[in-house]
N, C-alpha and C. Protein backbone atom coordinates (compact mmCIF):
# COMPACT_ATOMS: atom_id res chain seq x y z
N MET A 1 0.81 -1.19 0.00
CA MET A 1 0.00 0.00 0.00
C MET A 1 0.87 1.26 0.00
N LYS A 2 2.00 1.23 0.71
CA LYS A 2 2.88 2.41 0.74
C LYS A 2 3.48 2.67 -0.63
N GLY A 3 3.83 1.62 -1.36
CA GLY A 3 4.40 1.78 -2.69
C GLY A 3 3.42 2.41 -3.64
N GLN A 4 2.15 2.01 -3.54
CA GLN A 4 1.12 2.58 -4.39
C GLN A 4 0.93 4.06 -4.08
N THR A 5 0.97 4.43 -2.82
CA THR A 5 0.83 5.83 -2.42
C THR A 5 1.99 6.66 -2.95
N ALA A 6 3.19 6.12 -2.83
CA ALA A 6 4.37 6.84 -3.34
C ALA A 6 4.28 7.02 -4.84
N LEU A 7 3.84 5.99 -5.56
CA LEU A 7 3.72 6.08 -7.01
C LEU A 7 2.65 7.09 -7.41
N GLU A 8 1.52 7.09 -6.71
CA GLU A 8 0.47 8.07 -6.99
C GLU A 8 0.97 9.49 -6.73
N TYR A 9 1.76 9.67 -5.66
CA TYR A 9 2.31 10.98 -5.33
C TYR A 9 3.23 11.47 -6.45
N LEU A 10 4.12 10.57 -6.92
CA LEU A 10 5.02 10.95 -8.01
C LEU A 10 4.27 11.25 -9.30
N MET A 11 3.23 10.48 -9.58
CA MET A 11 2.45 10.73 -10.80
C MET A 11 1.70 12.06 -10.70
N MET A 12 1.24 12.38 -9.50
CA MET A 12 0.45 13.59 -9.32
C MET A 12 1.35 14.83 -9.31
N TYR A 13 2.48 14.78 -8.60
CA TYR A 13 3.31 15.97 -8.40
C TYR A 13 4.68 15.89 -9.10
N GLY A 14 4.89 14.88 -9.93
CA GLY A 14 6.15 14.71 -10.63
C GLY A 14 6.49 15.87 -11.54
N TRP A 15 5.47 16.40 -12.22
CA TRP A 15 5.70 17.53 -13.12
C TRP A 15 6.23 18.74 -12.34
N ALA A 16 5.75 18.94 -11.13
CA ALA A 16 6.23 20.06 -10.32
C ALA A 16 7.68 19.85 -9.91
N LEU A 17 8.05 18.61 -9.58
CA LEU A 17 9.44 18.31 -9.24
C LEU A 17 10.36 18.54 -10.44
N ILE A 18 9.89 18.15 -11.61
CA ILE A 18 10.70 18.35 -12.83
C ILE A 18 10.89 19.85 -13.09
N ILE A 19 9.85 20.65 -12.93
CA ILE A 19 9.97 22.09 -13.14
C ILE A 19 10.93 22.71 -12.13
N VAL A 20 10.85 22.30 -10.88
CA VAL A 20 11.76 22.81 -9.87
C VAL A 20 13.20 22.45 -10.22
N LEU A 21 13.45 21.22 -10.66
CA LEU A 21 14.80 20.80 -11.05
C LEU A 21 15.30 21.60 -12.25
N VAL A 22 14.42 21.87 -13.22
CA VAL A 22 14.82 22.67 -14.39
C VAL A 22 15.18 24.09 -13.97
N ILE A 23 14.40 24.68 -13.10
CA ILE A 23 14.68 26.05 -12.64
C ILE A 23 16.00 26.09 -11.87
N ILE A 24 16.24 25.11 -11.03
CA ILE A 24 17.50 25.06 -10.28
C ILE A 24 18.67 24.92 -11.23
N SER A 25 18.55 24.07 -12.25
CA SER A 25 19.67 23.90 -13.19
C SER A 25 19.91 25.17 -14.01
N ILE A 26 18.85 25.88 -14.38
CA ILE A 26 19.02 27.14 -15.11
C ILE A 26 19.72 28.17 -14.23
N LEU A 27 19.30 28.27 -12.99
CA LEU A 27 19.94 29.22 -12.07
C LEU A 27 21.40 28.86 -11.83
N TYR A 28 21.68 27.57 -11.73
CA TYR A 28 23.05 27.14 -11.47
C TYR A 28 23.98 27.44 -12.65
N THR A 29 23.47 27.37 -13.86
CA THR A 29 24.32 27.62 -15.03
C THR A 29 24.38 29.10 -15.40
N THR A 30 23.61 29.95 -14.75
CA THR A 30 23.68 31.39 -15.06
C THR A 30 24.12 32.19 -13.84
N ILE A 31 23.27 32.35 -12.89
CA ILE A 31 23.55 33.23 -11.75
C ILE A 31 24.55 32.62 -10.79
N PHE A 32 24.50 31.32 -10.58
CA PHE A 32 25.35 30.70 -9.57
C PHE A 32 26.70 30.25 -10.11
N LYS A 33 27.05 30.67 -11.33
CA LYS A 33 28.39 30.37 -11.86
C LYS A 33 29.42 31.19 -11.09
N PRO A 34 30.58 30.62 -10.82
CA PRO A 34 31.60 31.40 -10.13
C PRO A 34 32.02 32.64 -10.92
N GLU A 35 32.03 32.55 -12.26
CA GLU A 35 32.44 33.68 -13.09
C GLU A 35 31.49 34.86 -12.94
N PHE A 36 30.24 34.60 -12.57
CA PHE A 36 29.25 35.66 -12.44
C PHE A 36 29.64 36.64 -11.34
N TYR A 37 30.31 36.14 -10.30
CA TYR A 37 30.63 36.97 -9.15
C TYR A 37 32.07 37.45 -9.10
N VAL A 38 32.90 37.07 -10.07
CA VAL A 38 34.30 37.47 -10.07
C VAL A 38 34.42 38.92 -10.52
N VAL A 39 35.13 39.69 -9.74
CA VAL A 39 35.33 41.09 -10.05
C VAL A 39 36.55 41.21 -10.98
N GLU A 40 36.41 42.02 -12.02
CA GLU A 40 37.55 42.28 -12.88
C GLU A 40 38.48 43.22 -12.14
N LYS A 41 39.72 42.78 -11.94
CA LYS A 41 40.63 43.58 -11.14
C LYS A 41 42.07 43.30 -11.53
N CYS A 42 42.92 44.15 -11.03
CA CYS A 42 44.36 44.01 -11.23
C CYS A 42 45.02 44.22 -9.88
N ASP A 43 45.62 43.16 -9.36
CA ASP A 43 46.31 43.23 -8.08
C ASP A 43 47.81 43.30 -8.32
N THR A 44 48.44 44.36 -7.85
CA THR A 44 49.89 44.52 -7.98
C THR A 44 50.43 45.08 -6.67
N ALA A 45 51.70 45.38 -6.69
CA ALA A 45 52.33 46.03 -5.53
C ALA A 45 51.67 47.39 -5.32
N PRO A 46 51.73 47.92 -4.11
CA PRO A 46 51.03 49.18 -3.81
C PRO A 46 51.46 50.37 -4.67
N ASP A 47 52.73 50.44 -5.02
CA ASP A 47 53.20 51.65 -5.69
C ASP A 47 53.33 51.53 -7.20
N ILE A 48 53.00 50.39 -7.74
CA ILE A 48 52.95 50.24 -9.20
C ILE A 48 51.68 49.46 -9.48
N GLY A 49 50.81 50.05 -10.25
CA GLY A 49 49.51 49.40 -10.41
C GLY A 49 48.86 49.67 -11.74
N CYS A 50 47.74 49.02 -11.93
CA CYS A 50 46.96 49.18 -13.16
C CYS A 50 45.98 50.33 -12.99
N VAL A 51 45.67 50.96 -14.09
CA VAL A 51 44.69 52.04 -14.08
C VAL A 51 43.30 51.41 -14.14
N PRO A 52 42.45 51.66 -13.15
CA PRO A 52 41.12 51.05 -13.15
C PRO A 52 40.32 51.48 -14.38
N GLY A 53 39.59 50.54 -14.94
CA GLY A 53 38.75 50.83 -16.10
C GLY A 53 39.49 50.84 -17.41
N ARG A 54 40.80 50.61 -17.40
CA ARG A 54 41.59 50.64 -18.64
C ARG A 54 42.15 49.26 -18.97
N MET A 55 41.46 48.20 -18.52
CA MET A 55 41.90 46.83 -18.78
C MET A 55 40.87 46.14 -19.67
N LYS A 56 41.36 45.41 -20.67
CA LYS A 56 40.46 44.70 -21.57
C LYS A 56 41.08 43.36 -21.96
N LEU A 57 40.24 42.36 -22.13
CA LEU A 57 40.62 41.09 -22.72
C LEU A 57 39.67 40.89 -23.89
N ILE A 58 40.18 41.13 -25.10
CA ILE A 58 39.34 41.19 -26.29
C ILE A 58 39.55 39.94 -27.13
N VAL A 59 38.45 39.27 -27.46
CA VAL A 59 38.50 38.08 -28.31
C VAL A 59 38.30 38.54 -29.75
N ARG A 60 39.24 38.18 -30.61
CA ARG A 60 39.14 38.50 -32.03
C ARG A 60 39.16 37.19 -32.82
N ASP A 61 38.99 37.28 -34.12
CA ASP A 61 38.99 36.08 -34.96
C ASP A 61 40.35 35.40 -34.99
N ASP A 62 41.43 36.19 -34.93
CA ASP A 62 42.77 35.61 -35.05
C ASP A 62 43.50 35.48 -33.72
N GLY A 63 42.82 35.75 -32.60
CA GLY A 63 43.49 35.59 -31.31
C GLY A 63 42.80 36.39 -30.22
N THR A 64 43.54 36.64 -29.16
CA THR A 64 43.01 37.36 -28.00
C THR A 64 44.00 38.46 -27.62
N ASP A 65 43.48 39.63 -27.31
CA ASP A 65 44.31 40.78 -26.93
C ASP A 65 44.11 41.10 -25.46
N LEU A 66 45.21 41.29 -24.75
CA LEU A 66 45.17 41.81 -23.38
C LEU A 66 45.74 43.21 -23.43
N VAL A 67 44.98 44.19 -22.97
CA VAL A 67 45.43 45.58 -22.96
C VAL A 67 45.22 46.13 -21.56
N PHE A 68 46.26 46.70 -20.99
CA PHE A 68 46.12 47.35 -19.69
C PHE A 68 47.18 48.43 -19.55
N ASP A 69 46.88 49.40 -18.68
CA ASP A 69 47.80 50.51 -18.41
C ASP A 69 48.43 50.31 -17.05
N LEU A 70 49.73 50.49 -16.99
CA LEU A 70 50.48 50.37 -15.75
C LEU A 70 50.98 51.75 -15.37
N VAL A 71 50.83 52.13 -14.10
CA VAL A 71 51.23 53.46 -13.66
C VAL A 71 52.31 53.33 -12.58
N ASN A 72 53.32 54.19 -12.68
CA ASN A 72 54.40 54.24 -11.69
C ASN A 72 54.08 55.33 -10.68
N SER A 73 53.74 54.90 -9.47
CA SER A 73 53.48 55.88 -8.39
C SER A 73 54.40 55.59 -7.21
N MET A 74 55.63 55.18 -7.51
CA MET A 74 56.58 54.80 -6.47
C MET A 74 57.26 55.99 -5.81
N GLY A 75 57.24 57.12 -6.46
CA GLY A 75 57.93 58.28 -5.89
C GLY A 75 59.30 58.48 -6.50
N TYR A 76 59.71 57.61 -7.41
CA TYR A 76 61.00 57.74 -8.09
C TYR A 76 60.89 57.08 -9.47
N ASP A 77 61.84 57.41 -10.33
CA ASP A 77 61.85 56.87 -11.69
C ASP A 77 62.38 55.45 -11.68
N ILE A 78 61.83 54.62 -12.59
CA ILE A 78 62.30 53.24 -12.71
C ILE A 78 62.63 52.94 -14.17
N ARG A 79 63.41 51.91 -14.38
CA ARG A 79 63.75 51.43 -15.71
C ARG A 79 63.30 49.98 -15.79
N LEU A 80 62.41 49.68 -16.76
CA LEU A 80 61.92 48.32 -16.92
C LEU A 80 63.02 47.43 -17.49
N LEU A 81 63.20 46.27 -16.91
CA LEU A 81 64.16 45.30 -17.42
C LEU A 81 63.45 44.25 -18.26
N ASN A 82 62.40 43.65 -17.71
CA ASN A 82 61.56 42.75 -18.51
C ASN A 82 60.21 42.57 -17.83
N VAL A 83 59.26 42.14 -18.62
CA VAL A 83 57.91 41.87 -18.15
C VAL A 83 57.51 40.51 -18.71
N SER A 84 57.03 39.63 -17.85
CA SER A 84 56.61 38.29 -18.27
C SER A 84 55.14 38.11 -17.96
N PHE A 85 54.42 37.52 -18.90
CA PHE A 85 52.99 37.26 -18.74
C PHE A 85 52.77 35.75 -18.71
N TYR A 86 51.89 35.31 -17.82
CA TYR A 86 51.57 33.89 -17.67
C TYR A 86 50.05 33.71 -17.68
N PRO A 87 49.43 33.60 -18.84
CA PRO A 87 47.97 33.42 -18.87
C PRO A 87 47.61 31.99 -18.46
N GLU A 88 46.53 31.86 -17.71
CA GLU A 88 46.05 30.55 -17.29
C GLU A 88 44.85 30.15 -18.15
N ARG A 89 44.72 28.85 -18.38
CA ARG A 89 43.59 28.26 -19.11
C ARG A 89 43.45 28.77 -20.54
N MET A 90 44.54 29.14 -21.17
CA MET A 90 44.49 29.51 -22.58
C MET A 90 45.43 28.59 -23.34
N THR A 91 45.04 28.24 -24.55
CA THR A 91 45.83 27.31 -25.33
C THR A 91 46.82 28.05 -26.22
N ASN A 92 47.76 27.29 -26.74
CA ASN A 92 48.81 27.77 -27.64
C ASN A 92 49.75 28.71 -26.89
N ASN A 93 50.83 29.07 -27.52
CA ASN A 93 51.80 29.88 -26.78
C ASN A 93 52.64 30.76 -27.70
N VAL A 94 52.00 31.42 -28.65
CA VAL A 94 52.70 32.39 -29.50
C VAL A 94 52.08 33.75 -29.24
N TYR A 95 52.87 34.67 -28.73
CA TYR A 95 52.36 35.98 -28.38
C TYR A 95 53.16 37.05 -29.11
N LEU A 96 52.48 38.09 -29.54
CA LEU A 96 53.15 39.28 -30.07
C LEU A 96 52.98 40.35 -29.00
N ILE A 97 54.09 40.75 -28.41
CA ILE A 97 54.06 41.72 -27.34
C ILE A 97 54.27 43.11 -27.94
N LYS A 98 53.35 44.02 -27.68
CA LYS A 98 53.53 45.41 -28.11
C LYS A 98 53.66 46.26 -26.86
N CYS A 99 54.73 46.97 -26.78
CA CYS A 99 54.96 47.85 -25.65
C CYS A 99 55.30 49.21 -26.24
N ASP A 100 54.36 50.10 -26.24
CA ASP A 100 54.48 51.36 -26.97
C ASP A 100 54.70 51.06 -28.45
N GLN A 101 55.77 51.53 -29.04
CA GLN A 101 55.97 51.33 -30.47
C GLN A 101 56.76 50.07 -30.80
N GLN A 102 57.33 49.42 -29.80
CA GLN A 102 58.19 48.27 -30.06
C GLN A 102 57.39 46.98 -29.93
N GLN A 103 57.71 46.00 -30.76
CA GLN A 103 57.03 44.72 -30.66
C GLN A 103 57.99 43.59 -30.97
N ARG A 104 57.74 42.46 -30.35
CA ARG A 104 58.56 41.27 -30.53
C ARG A 104 57.63 40.06 -30.61
N VAL A 105 58.00 39.09 -31.43
CA VAL A 105 57.24 37.84 -31.48
C VAL A 105 57.86 36.88 -30.49
N CYS A 106 57.04 36.33 -29.62
CA CYS A 106 57.52 35.42 -28.58
C CYS A 106 56.92 34.04 -28.83
N ARG A 107 57.70 33.02 -28.56
CA ARG A 107 57.21 31.68 -28.81
C ARG A 107 57.19 30.83 -27.55
N SER A 108 56.89 31.44 -26.41
CA SER A 108 56.71 30.65 -25.20
C SER A 108 55.82 31.44 -24.26
N CYS A 109 55.22 30.74 -23.30
CA CYS A 109 54.36 31.43 -22.33
C CYS A 109 55.16 32.40 -21.48
N ASP A 110 56.43 32.13 -21.31
CA ASP A 110 57.30 33.03 -20.58
C ASP A 110 57.80 34.06 -21.58
N THR A 111 57.11 35.17 -21.69
CA THR A 111 57.36 36.14 -22.76
C THR A 111 58.51 37.05 -22.39
N ARG A 112 59.66 36.49 -22.21
CA ARG A 112 60.83 37.26 -21.81
C ARG A 112 61.39 38.08 -22.96
N CYS A 113 60.80 37.98 -24.14
CA CYS A 113 61.29 38.81 -25.24
C CYS A 113 61.12 40.29 -24.93
N LEU A 114 60.25 40.62 -23.99
CA LEU A 114 60.13 42.02 -23.60
C LEU A 114 61.40 42.54 -22.97
N SER A 115 62.27 41.63 -22.53
CA SER A 115 63.52 42.08 -21.95
C SER A 115 64.37 42.79 -22.99
N ARG A 116 64.04 42.61 -24.25
CA ARG A 116 64.78 43.30 -25.30
C ARG A 116 64.47 44.79 -25.33
N ILE A 117 63.45 45.22 -24.62
CA ILE A 117 63.20 46.66 -24.52
C ILE A 117 63.84 47.19 -23.25
N ASP A 118 64.87 46.51 -22.81
CA ASP A 118 65.61 46.90 -21.62
C ASP A 118 65.94 48.39 -21.72
N GLY A 119 65.61 49.09 -20.68
CA GLY A 119 65.95 50.51 -20.65
C GLY A 119 64.76 51.42 -20.80
N TYR A 120 63.54 50.88 -20.93
CA TYR A 120 62.38 51.77 -21.02
C TYR A 120 62.17 52.42 -19.66
N GLU A 121 62.26 53.73 -19.62
CA GLU A 121 62.14 54.44 -18.35
C GLU A 121 60.71 54.88 -18.11
N MET A 122 60.28 54.68 -16.88
CA MET A 122 58.99 55.19 -16.44
C MET A 122 59.26 56.22 -15.35
N LYS A 123 59.03 57.46 -15.68
CA LYS A 123 59.18 58.52 -14.68
C LYS A 123 58.08 58.36 -13.62
N ASN A 124 58.30 58.94 -12.47
CA ASN A 124 57.29 58.89 -11.43
C ASN A 124 56.00 59.53 -11.95
N GLY A 125 54.90 58.81 -11.87
CA GLY A 125 53.61 59.30 -12.36
C GLY A 125 53.31 58.92 -13.79
N ASP A 126 54.28 58.35 -14.53
CA ASP A 126 54.05 57.93 -15.91
C ASP A 126 53.12 56.73 -15.98
N THR A 127 52.39 56.66 -17.08
CA THR A 127 51.53 55.52 -17.37
C THR A 127 52.02 54.88 -18.66
N MET A 128 52.09 53.56 -18.66
CA MET A 128 52.55 52.83 -19.84
C MET A 128 51.48 51.84 -20.24
N ARG A 129 51.12 51.83 -21.51
CA ARG A 129 50.11 50.90 -22.02
C ARG A 129 50.79 49.63 -22.52
N PHE A 130 50.34 48.49 -22.00
CA PHE A 130 50.81 47.19 -22.46
C PHE A 130 49.74 46.59 -23.35
N GLY A 131 50.15 46.04 -24.47
CA GLY A 131 49.25 45.31 -25.34
C GLY A 131 49.87 43.95 -25.63
N VAL A 132 49.25 42.90 -25.15
CA VAL A 132 49.74 41.55 -25.38
C VAL A 132 48.80 40.91 -26.38
N LEU A 133 49.27 40.72 -27.60
CA LEU A 133 48.46 40.16 -28.66
C LEU A 133 48.77 38.68 -28.77
N MET A 134 47.84 37.84 -28.38
CA MET A 134 48.07 36.40 -28.34
C MET A 134 47.42 35.77 -29.57
N TYR A 135 48.20 35.56 -30.61
CA TYR A 135 47.67 35.00 -31.84
C TYR A 135 47.39 33.52 -31.67
N ASP A 136 46.32 33.06 -32.31
CA ASP A 136 45.88 31.66 -32.25
C ASP A 136 45.49 31.24 -30.85
N VAL A 137 45.27 32.17 -29.95
CA VAL A 137 44.80 31.86 -28.60
C VAL A 137 43.33 32.24 -28.55
N LYS A 138 42.49 31.26 -28.36
CA LYS A 138 41.05 31.51 -28.37
C LYS A 138 40.52 31.49 -26.94
N ALA A 139 40.18 32.65 -26.44
CA ALA A 139 39.51 32.74 -25.15
C ALA A 139 38.00 32.69 -25.40
N ASP A 140 37.27 32.13 -24.49
CA ASP A 140 35.82 32.06 -24.61
C ASP A 140 35.21 33.37 -24.11
N VAL A 141 34.28 33.91 -24.89
CA VAL A 141 33.62 35.15 -24.52
C VAL A 141 32.83 34.93 -23.23
N ASP A 142 32.88 35.91 -22.35
CA ASP A 142 32.19 35.94 -21.05
C ASP A 142 32.80 35.03 -20.00
N LYS A 143 33.91 34.37 -20.29
CA LYS A 143 34.62 33.61 -19.26
C LYS A 143 35.64 34.54 -18.62
N VAL A 144 35.94 34.26 -17.37
CA VAL A 144 36.92 35.07 -16.64
C VAL A 144 38.26 34.35 -16.68
N TYR A 145 39.32 35.09 -17.01
CA TYR A 145 40.66 34.53 -17.10
C TYR A 145 41.58 35.25 -16.12
N LYS A 146 42.52 34.49 -15.60
CA LYS A 146 43.52 35.04 -14.69
C LYS A 146 44.84 35.08 -15.44
N ILE A 147 45.47 36.23 -15.47
CA ILE A 147 46.74 36.41 -16.15
C ILE A 147 47.74 36.96 -15.13
N LYS A 148 48.77 36.18 -14.86
CA LYS A 148 49.81 36.63 -13.93
C LYS A 148 50.90 37.33 -14.72
N PHE A 149 51.53 38.30 -14.09
CA PHE A 149 52.66 38.95 -14.74
C PHE A 149 53.72 39.31 -13.70
N VAL A 150 54.96 39.34 -14.16
CA VAL A 150 56.11 39.68 -13.32
C VAL A 150 56.86 40.81 -13.99
N ILE A 151 57.18 41.84 -13.23
CA ILE A 151 57.91 42.99 -13.75
C ILE A 151 59.25 43.07 -13.03
N ASN A 152 60.34 43.05 -13.78
CA ASN A 152 61.67 43.28 -13.23
C ASN A 152 62.09 44.69 -13.63
N TYR A 153 62.53 45.46 -12.67
CA TYR A 153 62.90 46.85 -12.93
C TYR A 153 64.04 47.24 -12.00
N ASN A 154 64.67 48.34 -12.33
CA ASN A 154 65.63 48.90 -11.38
C ASN A 154 65.31 50.38 -11.15
N ILE A 155 65.76 50.85 -10.01
CA ILE A 155 65.56 52.25 -9.67
C ILE A 155 66.61 53.05 -10.44
N THR A 156 66.17 54.07 -11.16
CA THR A 156 67.06 54.82 -12.04
C THR A 156 68.22 55.44 -11.29
N ASP A 157 67.96 56.02 -10.15
CA ASP A 157 69.02 56.73 -9.41
C ASP A 157 70.06 55.79 -8.81
N THR A 158 69.62 54.65 -8.28
CA THR A 158 70.55 53.78 -7.56
C THR A 158 70.97 52.55 -8.36
N GLY A 159 70.17 52.14 -9.33
CA GLY A 159 70.48 50.94 -10.10
C GLY A 159 70.07 49.65 -9.40
N THR A 160 69.45 49.76 -8.24
CA THR A 160 69.02 48.58 -7.49
C THR A 160 67.92 47.84 -8.26
N VAL A 161 68.09 46.53 -8.43
CA VAL A 161 67.14 45.71 -9.19
C VAL A 161 66.05 45.20 -8.24
N HIS A 162 64.79 45.29 -8.71
CA HIS A 162 63.64 44.83 -7.94
C HIS A 162 62.73 44.01 -8.84
N LYS A 163 61.86 43.25 -8.20
CA LYS A 163 60.88 42.44 -8.92
C LYS A 163 59.54 42.62 -8.23
N THR A 164 58.50 42.76 -9.02
CA THR A 164 57.14 42.80 -8.48
C THR A 164 56.25 41.95 -9.37
N ALA A 165 55.18 41.46 -8.80
CA ALA A 165 54.28 40.59 -9.55
C ALA A 165 52.85 41.10 -9.40
N GLY A 166 52.01 40.66 -10.29
CA GLY A 166 50.61 41.03 -10.24
C GLY A 166 49.74 39.99 -10.89
N VAL A 167 48.46 40.15 -10.68
CA VAL A 167 47.46 39.25 -11.27
C VAL A 167 46.34 40.11 -11.82
N ILE A 168 45.93 39.80 -13.04
CA ILE A 168 44.81 40.47 -13.67
C ILE A 168 43.70 39.45 -13.84
N ASN A 169 42.51 39.76 -13.35
CA ASN A 169 41.32 38.94 -13.59
C ASN A 169 40.42 39.73 -14.54
N LEU A 170 40.16 39.17 -15.71
CA LEU A 170 39.35 39.87 -16.70
C LEU A 170 38.36 38.92 -17.35
N ARG A 171 37.22 39.48 -17.69
CA ARG A 171 36.22 38.74 -18.46
C ARG A 171 36.48 39.00 -19.94
N ALA A 172 36.54 37.95 -20.71
CA ALA A 172 36.79 38.08 -22.15
C ALA A 172 35.55 38.63 -22.84
N THR A 173 35.77 39.63 -23.69
CA THR A 173 34.66 40.25 -24.43
C THR A 173 35.00 40.27 -25.91
N ARG A 174 34.00 40.43 -26.73
CA ARG A 174 34.21 40.57 -28.17
C ARG A 174 34.01 42.02 -28.51
N GLU A 175 34.94 42.57 -29.28
CA GLU A 175 34.84 44.00 -29.61
C GLU A 175 34.31 44.18 -31.00
């Protein structure tokens, strides 16, 4: 008798259970995704940082572009030695790094080819635009990607070498 009651209950209210499960699955794949709540940000050392609102991860037909502005607010002039980018969850590893007017083709995730622009000076308060053009790298639109970077620099006056690191979290968009 209990089995018959349970079967009648499922037959009577099964459609409601199915609708509830469908609504939960829709909410889970949209609102409850971790990417939905991730803030686009750039975390760096306190005195060298990204300009808020000037960061983009753009998906194009031939690759993905990372563009961000870095500002020197250390209180003294620095000379960039090299900058390395380490994108996570992206395929392939050929990047064209554009730093102002200079560009180099890099063939590894460790884009140390930027070290060839050794000597680029950033005066205190200067802003420098980085453009990392990752050819054949397909990021998914609306997904959030984490890109780590390391900056090696020296203080212009003393020549002391320093290293700082940062992380950029950006949602990929199509322009």
